[in-house]
């Protein structure tokens, strides 16, 4: 293989991978869209199988704006869920929750009064 064959192989590989990324993005968007019924989703999938390039182009032109909005909404939801989880983990239990939990342990006999006092002092500190 000479230089030009390798160059063409790289160029065609790039376009093929780009097409696959677009195709998977379209399929993911189809299943993400709650307003589109199942029959229309099936029609889009059938056209993507039999006339892939034209269908992908039409989909991107006709539904590209909605595709971007759904993607941005999903990213915002994921960020919000991540932030909420981080705040929950970082905050831990409130002092009253820690004291109530220690009190339950004291009542069940799992800890002594001295250990309860130590946990209470730590929670209030």
PDB file of N, CA and C in Angstrom:
ATOM      1  N   UNK A   1       0.851  -1.186   0.000  1.00  0.00           N
ATOM      2  CA  UNK A   1       0.000   0.000   0.000  1.00  0.00           C
ATOM      3  C   UNK A   1       0.895   1.248   0.000  1.00  0.00           C
ATOM      4  N   UNK A   2       0.550   2.143  -0.860  1.00  0.00           N
ATOM      5  CA  UNK A   2       1.338   3.369  -0.910  1.00  0.00           C
ATOM      6  C   UNK A   2       0.676   4.450  -0.053  1.00  0.00           C
ATOM      7  N   UNK A   3       1.274   5.598  -0.015  1.00  0.00           N
ATOM      8  CA  UNK A   3       0.828   6.701   0.840  1.00  0.00           C
ATOM      9  C   UNK A   3      -0.611   7.117   0.550  1.00  0.00           C
ATOM     10  N   UNK A   4      -0.994   7.205  -0.743  1.00  0.00           N
ATOM     11  CA  UNK A   4      -2.323   7.711  -1.100  1.00  0.00           C
ATOM     12  C   UNK A   4      -3.418   6.730  -0.706  1.00  0.00           C
ATOM     13  N   UNK A   5      -3.146   5.455  -0.798  1.00  0.00           N
ATOM     14  CA  UNK A   5      -4.131   4.457  -0.360  1.00  0.00           C
ATOM     15  C   UNK A   5      -4.362   4.552   1.145  1.00  0.00           C
ATOM     16  N   UNK A   6      -3.297   4.728   1.887  1.00  0.00           N
ATOM     17  CA  UNK A   6      -3.422   4.873   3.338  1.00  0.00           C
ATOM     18  C   UNK A   6      -4.189   6.146   3.677  1.00  0.00           C
ATOM     19  N   UNK A   7      -3.891   7.226   2.971  1.00  0.00           N
ATOM     20  CA  UNK A   7      -4.591   8.485   3.203  1.00  0.00           C
ATOM     21  C   UNK A   7      -6.088   8.345   2.926  1.00  0.00           C
ATOM     22  N   UNK A   8      -6.447   7.701   1.814  1.00  0.00           N
ATOM     23  CA  UNK A   8      -7.863   7.490   1.504  1.00  0.00           C
ATOM     24  C   UNK A   8      -8.528   6.596   2.547  1.00  0.00           C
ATOM     25  N   UNK A   9      -7.815   5.588   3.018  1.00  0.00           N
ATOM     26  CA  UNK A   9      -8.354   4.711   4.059  1.00  0.00           C
ATOM     27  C   UNK A   9      -8.657   5.513   5.324  1.00  0.00           C
ATOM     28  N   UNK A  10      -7.776   6.391   5.699  1.00  0.00           N
ATOM     29  CA  UNK A  10      -7.983   7.221   6.886  1.00  0.00           C
ATOM     30  C   UNK A  10      -9.171   8.159   6.687  1.00  0.00           C
ATOM     31  N   UNK A  11      -9.260   8.779   5.515  1.00  0.00           N
ATOM     32  CA  UNK A  11     -10.366   9.709   5.241  1.00  0.00           C
ATOM     33  C   UNK A  11     -11.705   8.975   5.268  1.00  0.00           C
ATOM     34  N   UNK A  12     -11.797   7.831   4.581  1.00  0.00           N
ATOM     35  CA  UNK A  12     -13.052   7.088   4.565  1.00  0.00           C
ATOM     36  C   UNK A  12     -13.389   6.541   5.953  1.00  0.00           C
ATOM     37  N   UNK A  13     -12.388   6.146   6.709  1.00  0.00           N
ATOM     38  CA  UNK A  13     -12.632   5.676   8.082  1.00  0.00           C
ATOM     39  C   UNK A  13     -13.201   6.796   8.934  1.00  0.00           C
ATOM     40  N   UNK A  14     -12.679   7.998   8.769  1.00  0.00           N
ATOM     41  CA  UNK A  14     -13.186   9.151   9.509  1.00  0.00           C
ATOM     42  C   UNK A  14     -14.656   9.393   9.181  1.00  0.00           C
ATOM     43  N   UNK A  15     -15.002   9.394   7.892  1.00  0.00           N
ATOM     44  CA  UNK A  15     -16.397   9.633   7.504  1.00  0.00           C
ATOM     45  C   UNK A  15     -17.318   8.517   7.984  1.00  0.00           C
ATOM     46  N   UNK A  16     -16.829   7.286   7.972  1.00  0.00           N
ATOM     47  CA  UNK A  16     -17.644   6.171   8.446  1.00  0.00           C
ATOM     48  C   UNK A  16     -17.921   6.283   9.942  1.00  0.00           C
ATOM     49  N   UNK A  17     -16.899   6.604  10.712  1.00  0.00           N
ATOM     50  CA  UNK A  17     -17.084   6.763  12.164  1.00  0.00           C
ATOM     51  C   UNK A  17     -17.988   7.962  12.463  1.00  0.00           C
ATOM     52  N   UNK A  18     -17.839   9.044  11.710  1.00  0.00           N
ATOM     53  CA  UNK A  18     -18.706  10.208  11.889  1.00  0.00           C
ATOM     54  C   UNK A  18     -20.152   9.846  11.581  1.00  0.00           C
ATOM     55  N   UNK A  19     -20.365   9.079  10.514  1.00  0.00           N
ATOM     56  CA  UNK A  19     -21.724   8.654  10.174  1.00  0.00           C
ATOM     57  C   UNK A  19     -22.308   7.780  11.280  1.00  0.00           C
ATOM     58  N   UNK A  20     -21.519   6.852  11.817  1.00  0.00           N
ATOM     59  CA  UNK A  20     -22.013   6.002  12.907  1.00  0.00           C
ATOM     60  C   UNK A  20     -22.378   6.828  14.141  1.00  0.00           C
ATOM     61  N   UNK A  21     -21.583   7.838  14.444  1.00  0.00           N
ATOM     62  CA  UNK A  21     -21.901   8.704  15.597  1.00  0.00           C
ATOM     63  C   UNK A  21     -23.220   9.442  15.365  1.00  0.00           C
ATOM     64  N   UNK A  22     -23.429   9.939  14.160  1.00  0.00           N
ATOM     65  CA  UNK A  22     -24.687  10.617  13.836  1.00  0.00           C
ATOM     66  C   UNK A  22     -25.848   9.640  13.917  1.00  0.00           C
ATOM     67  N   UNK A  23     -25.662   8.454  13.391  1.00  0.00           N
ATOM     68  CA  UNK A  23     -26.716   7.441  13.410  1.00  0.00           C
ATOM     69  C   UNK A  23     -27.102   7.071  14.842  1.00  0.00           C
ATOM     70  N   UNK A  24     -26.125   6.846  15.701  1.00  0.00           N
ATOM     71  CA  UNK A  24     -26.423   6.501  17.089  1.00  0.00           C
ATOM     72  C   UNK A  24     -27.044   7.676  17.832  1.00  0.00           C
ATOM     73  N   UNK A  25     -26.643   8.886  17.500  1.00  0.00           N
ATOM     74  CA  UNK A  25     -27.267  10.064  18.110  1.00  0.00           C
ATOM     75  C   UNK A  25     -28.723  10.178  17.716  1.00  0.00           C
ATOM     76  N   UNK A  26     -29.021   9.898  16.462  1.00  0.00           N
ATOM     77  CA  UNK A  26     -30.411   9.954  15.990  1.00  0.00           C
ATOM     78  C   UNK A  26     -31.245   8.882  16.677  1.00  0.00           C
ATOM     79  N   UNK A  27     -30.723   7.678  16.766  1.00  0.00           N
ATOM     80  CA  UNK A  27     -31.471   6.588  17.408  1.00  0.00           C
ATOM     81  C   UNK A  27     -31.690   6.897  18.885  1.00  0.00           C
ATOM     82  N   UNK A  28     -30.683   7.403  19.563  1.00  0.00           N
ATOM     83  CA  UNK A  28     -30.840   7.770  20.975  1.00  0.00           C
ATOM     84  C   UNK A  28     -31.871   8.878  21.124  1.00  0.00           C
ATOM     85  N   UNK A  29     -31.863   9.848  20.224  1.00  0.00           N
ATOM     86  CA  UNK A  29     -32.831  10.939  20.285  1.00  0.00           C
ATOM     87  C   UNK A  29     -34.245  10.433  20.026  1.00  0.00           C
ATOM     88  N   UNK A  30     -34.394   9.489  19.118  1.00  0.00           N
ATOM     89  CA  UNK A  30     -35.718   8.927  18.853  1.00  0.00           C
ATOM     90  C   UNK A  30     -36.310   8.304  20.117  1.00  0.00           C
ATOM     91  N   UNK A  31     -35.503   7.552  20.833  1.00  0.00           N
ATOM     92  CA  UNK A  31     -36.012   6.894  22.032  1.00  0.00           C
ATOM     93  C   UNK A  31     -36.119   7.844  23.224  1.00  0.00           C
ATOM     94  N   UNK A  32     -35.435   8.973  23.191  1.00  0.00           N
ATOM     95  CA  UNK A  32     -35.501   9.973  24.249  1.00  0.00           C
ATOM     96  C   UNK A  32     -36.749  10.841  24.121  1.00  0.00           C
ATOM     97  N   UNK A  33     -37.274  10.984  22.902  1.00  0.00           N
ATOM     98  CA  UNK A  33     -38.399  11.877  22.635  1.00  0.00           C
ATOM     99  C   UNK A  33     -39.701  11.248  23.123  1.00  0.00           C
ATOM    100  N   UNK A  34     -40.298  11.842  24.144  1.00  0.00           N
ATOM    101  CA  UNK A  34     -41.538  11.322  24.714  1.00  0.00           C
ATOM    102  C   UNK A  34     -42.759  11.737  23.900  1.00  0.00           C
ATOM    103  N   UNK A  35     -42.645  12.756  23.077  1.00  0.00           N
ATOM    104  CA  UNK A  35     -43.795  13.253  22.320  1.00  0.00           C
ATOM    105  C   UNK A  35     -44.032  12.476  21.032  1.00  0.00           C
ATOM    106  N   UNK A  36     -43.063  11.730  20.569  1.00  0.00           N
ATOM    107  CA  UNK A  36     -43.180  10.963  19.333  1.00  0.00           C
ATOM    108  C   UNK A  36     -43.710   9.573  19.679  1.00  0.00           C
ATOM    109  N   UNK A  37     -44.794   9.141  18.987  1.00  0.00           N
ATOM    110  CA  UNK A  37     -45.353   7.833  19.333  1.00  0.00           C
ATOM    111  C   UNK A  37     -44.509   6.704  18.742  1.00  0.00           C
ATOM    112  N   UNK A  38     -44.820   5.495  19.150  1.00  0.00           N
ATOM    113  CA  UNK A  38     -44.025   4.332  18.772  1.00  0.00           C
ATOM    114  C   UNK A  38     -44.023   4.041  17.285  1.00  0.00           C
ATOM    115  N   UNK A  39     -45.147   4.279  16.617  1.00  0.00           N
ATOM    116  CA  UNK A  39     -45.223   4.013  15.181  1.00  0.00           C
ATOM    117  C   UNK A  39     -44.306   4.943  14.398  1.00  0.00           C
ATOM    118  N   UNK A  40     -44.290   6.198  14.760  1.00  0.00           N
ATOM    119  CA  UNK A  40     -43.407   7.129  14.060  1.00  0.00           C
ATOM    120  C   UNK A  40     -41.941   6.814  14.326  1.00  0.00           C
ATOM    121  N   UNK A  41     -41.640   6.369  15.539  1.00  0.00           N
ATOM    122  CA  UNK A  41     -40.267   5.948  15.839  1.00  0.00           C
ATOM    123  C   UNK A  41     -39.881   4.758  14.968  1.00  0.00           C
ATOM    124  N   UNK A  42     -40.815   3.804  14.808  1.00  0.00           N
ATOM    125  CA  UNK A  42     -40.544   2.633  13.978  1.00  0.00           C
ATOM    126  C   UNK A  42     -40.331   3.038  12.518  1.00  0.00           C
ATOM    127  N   UNK A  43     -41.124   3.992  12.031  1.00  0.00           N
ATOM    128  CA  UNK A  43     -40.964   4.455  10.647  1.00  0.00           C
ATOM    129  C   UNK A  43     -39.596   5.094  10.461  1.00  0.00           C
ATOM    130  N   UNK A  44     -39.169   5.943  11.405  1.00  0.00           N
ATOM    131  CA  UNK A  44     -37.842   6.562  11.304  1.00  0.00           C
ATOM    132  C   UNK A  44     -36.752   5.489  11.277  1.00  0.00           C
ATOM    133  N   UNK A  45     -36.868   4.476  12.141  1.00  0.00           N
ATOM    134  CA  UNK A  45     -35.865   3.409  12.199  1.00  0.00           C
ATOM    135  C   UNK A  45     -35.835   2.632  10.881  1.00  0.00           C
ATOM    136  N   UNK A  46     -37.015   2.323  10.324  1.00  0.00           N
ATOM    137  CA  UNK A  46     -37.066   1.595   9.055  1.00  0.00           C
ATOM    138  C   UNK A  46     -36.398   2.401   7.949  1.00  0.00           C
ATOM    139  N   UNK A  47     -36.711   3.695   7.890  1.00  0.00           N
ATOM    140  CA  UNK A  47     -36.072   4.529   6.872  1.00  0.00           C
ATOM    141  C   UNK A  47     -34.571   4.650   7.110  1.00  0.00           C
ATOM    142  N   UNK A  48     -34.143   4.681   8.380  1.00  0.00           N
ATOM    143  CA  UNK A  48     -32.700   4.726   8.665  1.00  0.00           C
ATOM    144  C   UNK A  48     -31.993   3.464   8.191  1.00  0.00           C
ATOM    145  N   UNK A  49     -32.704   2.344   8.185  1.00  0.00           N
ATOM    146  CA  UNK A  49     -32.108   1.085   7.728  1.00  0.00           C
ATOM    147  C   UNK A  49     -32.024   1.034   6.207  1.00  0.00           C
ATOM    148  N   UNK A  50     -33.116   1.420   5.524  1.00  0.00           N
ATOM    149  CA  UNK A  50     -33.173   1.251   4.076  1.00  0.00           C
ATOM    150  C   UNK A  50     -32.634   2.431   3.267  1.00  0.00           C
ATOM    151  N   UNK A  51     -32.761   3.642   3.787  1.00  0.00           N
ATOM    152  CA  UNK A  51     -32.241   4.832   3.093  1.00  0.00           C
ATOM    153  C   UNK A  51     -31.465   5.652   4.127  1.00  0.00           C
ATOM    154  N   UNK A  52     -30.316   5.163   4.568  1.00  0.00           N
ATOM    155  CA  UNK A  52     -29.681   5.741   5.753  1.00  0.00           C
ATOM    156  C   UNK A  52     -29.186   7.182   5.595  1.00  0.00           C
ATOM    157  N   UNK A  53     -28.486   7.500   4.521  1.00  0.00           N
ATOM    158  CA  UNK A  53     -27.904   8.839   4.406  1.00  0.00           C
ATOM    159  C   UNK A  53     -28.972   9.905   4.233  1.00  0.00           C
ATOM    160  N   UNK A  54     -29.936   9.656   3.373  1.00  0.00           N
ATOM    161  CA  UNK A  54     -30.999  10.623   3.133  1.00  0.00           C
ATOM    162  C   UNK A  54     -31.858  10.810   4.385  1.00  0.00           C
ATOM    163  N   UNK A  55     -32.183   9.721   5.047  1.00  0.00           N
ATOM    164  CA  UNK A  55     -33.002   9.803   6.261  1.00  0.00           C
ATOM    165  C   UNK A  55     -32.272  10.553   7.363  1.00  0.00           C
ATOM    166  N   UNK A  56     -30.990  10.286   7.528  1.00  0.00           N
ATOM    167  CA  UNK A  56     -30.215  10.991   8.558  1.00  0.00           C
ATOM    168  C   UNK A  56     -30.176  12.481   8.267  1.00  0.00           C
ATOM    169  N   UNK A  57     -29.991  12.831   7.017  1.00  0.00           N
ATOM    170  CA  UNK A  57     -29.965  14.236   6.633  1.00  0.00           C
ATOM    171  C   UNK A  57     -31.312  14.903   6.877  1.00  0.00           C
ATOM    172  N   UNK A  58     -32.389  14.252   6.490  1.00  0.00           N
ATOM    173  CA  UNK A  58     -33.730  14.802   6.703  1.00  0.00           C
ATOM    174  C   UNK A  58     -34.016  14.931   8.202  1.00  0.00           C
ATOM    175  N   UNK A  59     -33.640  13.920   8.978  1.00  0.00           N
ATOM    176  CA  UNK A  59     -33.876  13.968  10.420  1.00  0.00           C
ATOM    177  C   UNK A  59     -33.141  15.148  11.054  1.00  0.00           C
ATOM    178  N   UNK A  60     -31.891  15.326  10.686  1.00  0.00           N
ATOM    179  CA  UNK A  60     -31.108  16.421  11.264  1.00  0.00           C
ATOM    180  C   UNK A  60     -31.671  17.781  10.873  1.00  0.00           C
ATOM    181  N   UNK A  61     -32.188  17.902   9.645  1.00  0.00           N
ATOM    182  CA  UNK A  61     -32.775  19.169   9.224  1.00  0.00           C
ATOM    183  C   UNK A  61     -34.116  19.395   9.912  1.00  0.00           C
ATOM    184  N   UNK A  62     -34.965  18.376   9.927  1.00  0.00           N
ATOM    185  CA  UNK A  62     -36.326  18.536  10.446  1.00  0.00           C
ATOM    186  C   UNK A  62     -36.381  18.584  11.967  1.00  0.00           C
ATOM    187  N   UNK A  63     -35.566  17.802  12.628  1.00  0.00           N
ATOM    188  CA  UNK A  63     -35.685  17.678  14.084  1.00  0.00           C
ATOM    189  C   UNK A  63     -34.408  18.056  14.823  1.00  0.00           C
ATOM    190  N   UNK A  64     -33.486  18.713  14.164  1.00  0.00           N
ATOM    191  CA  UNK A  64     -32.198  19.046  14.771  1.00  0.00           C
ATOM    192  C   UNK A  64     -32.313  19.948  15.983  1.00  0.00           C
ATOM    193  N   UNK A  65     -33.187  20.968  15.914  1.00  0.00           N
ATOM    194  CA  UNK A  65     -33.339  21.886  17.039  1.00  0.00           C
ATOM    195  C   UNK A  65     -33.887  21.166  18.264  1.00  0.00           C
ATOM    196  N   UNK A  66     -34.911  20.347  18.061  1.00  0.00           N
ATOM    197  CA  UNK A  66     -35.473  19.572  19.169  1.00  0.00           C
ATOM    198  C   UNK A  66     -34.478  18.572  19.718  1.00  0.00           C
ATOM    199  N   UNK A  67     -33.660  18.031  18.826  1.00  0.00           N
ATOM    200  CA  UNK A  67     -32.622  17.088  19.237  1.00  0.00           C
ATOM    201  C   UNK A  67     -31.633  17.768  20.178  1.00  0.00           C
ATOM    202  N   UNK A  68     -31.235  18.981  19.839  1.00  0.00           N
ATOM    203  CA  UNK A  68     -30.309  19.734  20.690  1.00  0.00           C
ATOM    204  C   UNK A  68     -30.959  20.099  22.017  1.00  0.00           C
ATOM    205  N   UNK A  69     -32.233  20.469  21.991  1.00  0.00           N
ATOM    206  CA  UNK A  69     -32.927  20.837  23.231  1.00  0.00           C
ATOM    207  C   UNK A  69     -33.059  19.636  24.159  1.00  0.00           C
ATOM    208  N   UNK A  70     -33.418  18.471  23.603  1.00  0.00           N
ATOM    209  CA  UNK A  70     -33.537  17.268  24.438  1.00  0.00           C
ATOM    210  C   UNK A  70     -32.181  16.860  25.014  1.00  0.00           C
ATOM    211  N   UNK A  71     -31.142  16.994  24.227  1.00  0.00           N
ATOM    212  CA  UNK A  71     -29.805  16.654  24.702  1.00  0.00           C
ATOM    213  C   UNK A  71     -29.362  17.597  25.820  1.00  0.00           C
ATOM    214  N   UNK A  72     -29.639  18.881  25.655  1.00  0.00           N
ATOM    215  CA  UNK A  72     -29.281  19.858  26.689  1.00  0.00           C
ATOM    216  C   UNK A  72     -30.091  19.621  27.961  1.00  0.00           C
ATOM    217  N   UNK A  73     -31.365  19.281  27.812  1.00  0.00           N
ATOM    218  CA  UNK A  73     -32.209  19.008  28.987  1.00  0.00           C
ATOM    219  C   UNK A  73     -31.708  17.776  29.732  1.00  0.00           C
ATOM    220  N   UNK A  74     -31.317  16.756  28.991  1.00  0.00           N
ATOM    221  CA  UNK A  74     -30.792  15.553  29.638  1.00  0.00           C
ATOM    222  C   UNK A  74     -29.482  15.845  30.368  1.00  0.00           C
ATOM    223  N   UNK A  75     -28.622  16.650  29.773  1.00  0.00           N
ATOM    224  CA  UNK A  75     -27.362  17.015  30.419  1.00  0.00           C
ATOM    225  C   UNK A  75     -27.615  17.831  31.682  1.00  0.00           C
ATOM    226  N   UNK A  76     -28.602  18.738  31.634  1.00  0.00           N
ATOM    227  CA  UNK A  76     -28.931  19.545  32.811  1.00  0.00           C
ATOM    228  C   UNK A  76     -29.496  18.674  33.932  1.00  0.00           C
ATOM    229  N   UNK A  77     -30.338  17.698  33.579  1.00  0.00           N
ATOM    230  CA  UNK A  77     -30.878  16.782  34.591  1.00  0.00           C
ATOM    231  C   UNK A  77     -29.765  15.955  35.224  1.00  0.00           C
ATOM    232  N   UNK A  78     -28.839  15.486  34.419  1.00  0.00           N
ATOM    233  CA  UNK A  78     -27.728  14.694  34.949  1.00  0.00           C
ATOM    234  C   UNK A  78     -26.855  15.536  35.878  1.00  0.00           C
ATOM    235  N   UNK A  79     -26.606  16.791  35.497  1.00  0.00           N
ATOM    236  CA  UNK A  79     -25.806  17.679  36.336  1.00  0.00           C
ATOM    237  C   UNK A  79     -26.518  17.971  37.648  1.00  0.00           C
ATOM    238  N   UNK A  80     -27.826  18.204  37.582  1.00  0.00           N
ATOM    239  CA  UNK A  80     -28.600  18.483  38.788  1.00  0.00           C
ATOM    240  C   UNK A  80     -28.592  17.266  39.718  1.00  0.00           C
ATOM    241  N   UNK A  81     -28.753  16.077  39.160  1.00  0.00           N
ATOM    242  CA  UNK A  81     -28.733  14.866  39.982  1.00  0.00           C
ATOM    243  C   UNK A  81     -27.359  14.657  40.609  1.00  0.00           C
ATOM    244  N   UNK A  82     -26.313  14.917  39.857  1.00  0.00           N
ATOM    245  CA  UNK A  82     -24.957  14.785  40.393  1.00  0.00           C
ATOM    246  C   UNK A  82     -24.711  15.790  41.510  1.00  0.00           C
ATOM    247  N   UNK A  83     -25.114  17.043  41.303  1.00  0.00           N
ATOM    248  CA  UNK A  83     -24.939  18.065  42.334  1.00  0.00           C
ATOM    249  C   UNK A  83     -25.711  17.720  43.600  1.00  0.00           C
ATOM    250  N   UNK A  84     -26.944  17.222  43.446  1.00  0.00           N
ATOM    251  CA  UNK A  84     -27.746  16.850  44.608  1.00  0.00           C
ATOM    252  C   UNK A  84     -27.094  15.695  45.372  1.00  0.00           C
ATOM    253  N   UNK A  85     -26.555  14.730  44.640  1.00  0.00           N
ATOM    254  CA  UNK A  85     -25.885  13.601  45.288  1.00  0.00           C
ATOM    255  C   UNK A  85     -24.644  14.063  46.037  1.00  0.00           C
ATOM    256  N   UNK A  86     -23.858  14.942  45.417  1.00  0.00           N
ATOM    257  CA  UNK A  86     -22.638  15.442  46.067  1.00  0.00           C
ATOM    258  C   UNK A  86     -22.986  16.210  47.331  1.00  0.00           C
ATOM    259  N   UNK A  87     -24.025  17.036  47.282  1.00  0.00           N
ATOM    260  CA  UNK A  87     -24.434  17.794  48.472  1.00  0.00           C
ATOM    261  C   UNK A  87     -24.922  16.860  49.565  1.00  0.00           C
ATOM    262  N   UNK A  88     -25.657  15.824  49.178  1.00  0.00           N
ATOM    263  CA  UNK A  88     -26.174  14.876  50.166  1.00  0.00           C
ATOM    264  C   UNK A  88     -25.036  14.131  50.846  1.00  0.00           C
ATOM    265  N   UNK A  89     -24.058  13.697  50.074  1.00  0.00           N
ATOM    266  CA  UNK A  89     -22.935  12.935  50.633  1.00  0.00           C
ATOM    267  C   UNK A  89     -22.036  13.841  51.461  1.00  0.00           C
ATOM    268  N   UNK A  90     -21.803  15.052  50.975  1.00  0.00           N
ATOM    269  CA  UNK A  90     -20.908  15.962  51.685  1.00  0.00           C
ATOM    270  C   UNK A  90     -21.516  16.435  52.999  1.00  0.00           C
ATOM    271  N   UNK A  91     -22.814  16.659  53.010  1.00  0.00           N
ATOM    272  CA  UNK A  91     -23.463  17.182  54.205  1.00  0.00           C
ATOM    273  C   UNK A  91     -23.558  16.117  55.295  1.00  0.00           C
ATOM    274  N   UNK A  92     -23.761  14.873  54.917  1.00  0.00           N
ATOM    275  CA  UNK A  92     -23.919  13.825  55.912  1.00  0.00           C
ATOM    276  C   UNK A  92     -25.214  14.007  56.669  1.00  0.00           C
ATOM    277  N   UNK A  93     -25.257  13.477  57.875  1.00  0.00           N
ATOM    278  CA  UNK A  93     -26.446  13.604  58.712  1.00  0.00           C
ATOM    279  C   UNK A  93     -26.388  14.904  59.499  1.00  0.00           C
ATOM    280  N   UNK A  94     -27.560  15.422  59.794  1.00  0.00           N
ATOM    281  CA  UNK A  94     -27.609  16.613  60.637  1.00  0.00           C
ATOM    282  C   UNK A  94     -27.293  16.199  62.078  1.00  0.00           C
ATOM    283  N   UNK A  95     -26.910  17.150  62.930  1.00  0.00           N
ATOM    284  CA  UNK A  95     -26.595  16.791  64.323  1.00  0.00           C
ATOM    285  C   UNK A  95     -27.756  16.115  65.049  1.00  0.00           C
ATOM    286  N   UNK A  96     -28.979  16.577  64.783  1.00  0.00           N
ATOM    287  CA  UNK A  96     -30.127  15.950  65.455  1.00  0.00           C
ATOM    288  C   UNK A  96     -30.322  14.514  64.990  1.00  0.00           C
ATOM    289  N   UNK A  97     -30.047  14.239  63.701  1.00  0.00           N
ATOM    290  CA  UNK A  97     -30.159  12.863  63.203  1.00  0.00           C
ATOM    291  C   UNK A  97     -29.087  11.976  63.821  1.00  0.00           C
ATOM    292  N   UNK A  98     -27.883  12.509  63.973  1.00  0.00           N
ATOM    293  CA  UNK A  98     -26.806  11.725  64.587  1.00  0.00           C
ATOM    294  C   UNK A  98     -27.115  11.417  66.051  1.00  0.00           C
ATOM    295  N   UNK A  99     -27.641  12.405  66.778  1.00  0.00           N
ATOM    296  CA  UNK A  99     -27.984  12.191  68.190  1.00  0.00           C
ATOM    297  C   UNK A  99     -29.122  11.187  68.310  1.00  0.00           C
ATOM    298  N   UNK A 100     -30.136  11.276  67.411  1.00  0.00           N
ATOM    299  CA  UNK A 100     -31.253  10.327  67.444  1.00  0.00           C
ATOM    300  C   UNK A 100     -30.764   8.906  67.157  1.00  0.00           C
ATOM    301  N   UNK A 101     -29.857   8.781  66.205  1.00  0.00           N
ATOM    302  CA  UNK A 101     -29.301   7.465  65.883  1.00  0.00           C
ATOM    303  C   UNK A 101     -28.493   6.923  67.073  1.00  0.00           C
ATOM    304  N   UNK A 102     -27.705   7.776  67.701  1.00  0.00           N
ATOM    305  CA  UNK A 102     -26.934   7.349  68.869  1.00  0.00           C
ATOM    306  C   UNK A 102     -27.859   6.966  70.006  1.00  0.00           C
ATOM    307  N   UNK A 103     -28.958   7.687  70.148  1.00  0.00           N
ATOM    308  CA  UNK A 103     -29.937   7.362  71.202  1.00  0.00           C
ATOM    309  C   UNK A 103     -30.552   5.988  70.970  1.00  0.00           C
ATOM    310  N   UNK A 104     -30.851   5.677  69.704  1.00  0.00           N
ATOM    311  CA  UNK A 104     -31.388   4.353  69.384  1.00  0.00           C
ATOM    312  C   UNK A 104     -30.373   3.258  69.705  1.00  0.00           C
ATOM    313  N   UNK A 105     -29.096   3.539  69.408  1.00  0.00           N
ATOM    314  CA  UNK A 105     -28.055   2.567  69.730  1.00  0.00           C
ATOM    315  C   UNK A 105     -27.927   2.377  71.239  1.00  0.00           C
ATOM    316  N   UNK A 106     -28.080   3.473  71.992  1.00  0.00           N
ATOM    317  CA  UNK A 106     -28.012   3.386  73.451  1.00  0.00           C
ATOM    318  C   UNK A 106     -29.179   2.572  74.000  1.00  0.00           C
ATOM    319  N   UNK A 107     -30.383   2.820  73.482  1.00  0.00           N
ATOM    320  CA  UNK A 107     -31.567   2.076  73.935  1.00  0.00           C
ATOM    321  C   UNK A 107     -31.464   0.592  73.613  1.00  0.00           C
ATOM    322  N   UNK A 108     -30.851   0.263  72.455  1.00  0.00           N
ATOM    323  CA  UNK A 108     -30.736  -1.152  72.077  1.00  0.00           C
ATOM    324  C   UNK A 108     -29.598  -1.848  72.820  1.00  0.00           C
ATOM    325  N   UNK A 109     -28.762  -1.067  73.496  1.00  0.00           N
ATOM    326  CA  UNK A 109     -27.663  -1.647  74.254  1.00  0.00           C
ATOM    327  C   UNK A 109     -26.397  -1.848  73.438  1.00  0.00           C
ATOM    328  N   UNK A 110     -26.361  -1.314  72.236  1.00  0.00           N
ATOM    329  CA  UNK A 110     -25.194  -1.486  71.379  1.00  0.00           C
ATOM    330  C   UNK A 110     -24.025  -0.621  71.841  1.00  0.00           C
ATOM    331  N   UNK A 111     -24.322   0.514  72.512  1.00  0.00           N
ATOM    332  CA  UNK A 111     -23.269   1.387  73.029  1.00  0.00           C
ATOM    333  C   UNK A 111     -23.565   1.711  74.488  1.00  0.00           C
ATOM    334  N   UNK A 112     -22.535   2.162  75.191  1.00  0.00           N
ATOM    335  CA  UNK A 112     -22.696   2.528  76.601  1.00  0.00           C
ATOM    336  C   UNK A 112     -23.041   4.009  76.699  1.00  0.00           C
ATOM    337  N   UNK A 113     -23.364   4.443  77.918  1.00  0.00           N
ATOM    338  CA  UNK A 113     -23.696   5.848  78.146  1.00  0.00           C
ATOM    339  C   UNK A 113     -22.499   6.742  77.837  1.00  0.00           C
ATOM    340  N   UNK A 114     -21.297   6.309  78.145  1.00  0.00           N
ATOM    341  CA  UNK A 114     -20.102   7.104  77.865  1.00  0.00           C
ATOM    342  C   UNK A 114     -19.896   7.268  76.358  1.00  0.00           C
ATOM    343  N   UNK A 115     -20.136   6.185  75.607  1.00  0.00           N
ATOM    344  CA  UNK A 115     -20.022   6.284  74.149  1.00  0.00           C
ATOM    345  C   UNK A 115     -21.105   7.195  73.571  1.00  0.00           C
ATOM    346  N   UNK A 116     -22.308   7.137  74.159  1.00  0.00           N
ATOM    347  CA  UNK A 116     -23.376   8.019  73.701  1.00  0.00           C
ATOM    348  C   UNK A 116     -23.007   9.477  73.938  1.00  0.00           C
ATOM    349  N   UNK A 117     -22.474   9.768  75.127  1.00  0.00           N
ATOM    350  CA  UNK A 117     -22.073  11.142  75.430  1.00  0.00           C
ATOM    351  C   UNK A 117     -20.976  11.615  74.466  1.00  0.00           C
ATOM    352  N   UNK A 118     -20.057  10.718  74.129  1.00  0.00           N
ATOM    353  CA  UNK A 118     -18.983  11.065  73.205  1.00  0.00           C
ATOM    354  C   UNK A 118     -19.552  11.371  71.797  1.00  0.00           C
ATOM    355  N   UNK A 119     -20.476  10.528  71.334  1.00  0.00           N
ATOM    356  CA  UNK A 119     -21.115  10.754  70.015  1.00  0.00           C
ATOM    357  C   UNK A 119     -21.934  12.046  70.007  1.00  0.00           C
ATOM    358  N   UNK A 120     -22.605  12.319  71.125  1.00  0.00           N
ATOM    359  CA  UNK A 120     -23.411  13.538  71.226  1.00  0.00           C
ATOM    360  C   UNK A 120     -22.532  14.771  71.182  1.00  0.00           C
ATOM    361  N   UNK A 121     -21.404  14.729  71.894  1.00  0.00           N
ATOM    362  CA  UNK A 121     -20.474  15.862  71.889  1.00  0.00           C
ATOM    363  C   UNK A 121     -19.879  16.066  70.491  1.00  0.00           C
ATOM    364  N   UNK A 122     -19.570  14.976  69.823  1.00  0.00           N
ATOM    365  CA  UNK A 122     -19.037  15.074  68.470  1.00  0.00           C
ATOM    366  C   UNK A 122     -20.063  15.654  67.504  1.00  0.00           C
ATOM    367  N   UNK A 123     -21.325  15.273  67.645  1.00  0.00           N
ATOM    368  CA  UNK A 123     -22.379  15.787  66.756  1.00  0.00           C
ATOM    369  C   UNK A 123     -22.636  17.260  66.992  1.00  0.00           C
ATOM    370  N   UNK A 124     -22.515  17.709  68.224  1.00  0.00           N
ATOM    371  CA  UNK A 124     -22.781  19.117  68.549  1.00  0.00           C
ATOM    372  C   UNK A 124     -21.578  20.010  68.279  1.00  0.00           C
ATOM    373  N   UNK A 125     -20.422  19.416  68.079  1.00  0.00           N
ATOM    374  CA  UNK A 125     -19.209  20.211  67.832  1.00  0.00           C
ATOM    375  C   UNK A 125     -19.167  20.794  66.441  1.00  0.00           C
TER     376      UNK A 125
END
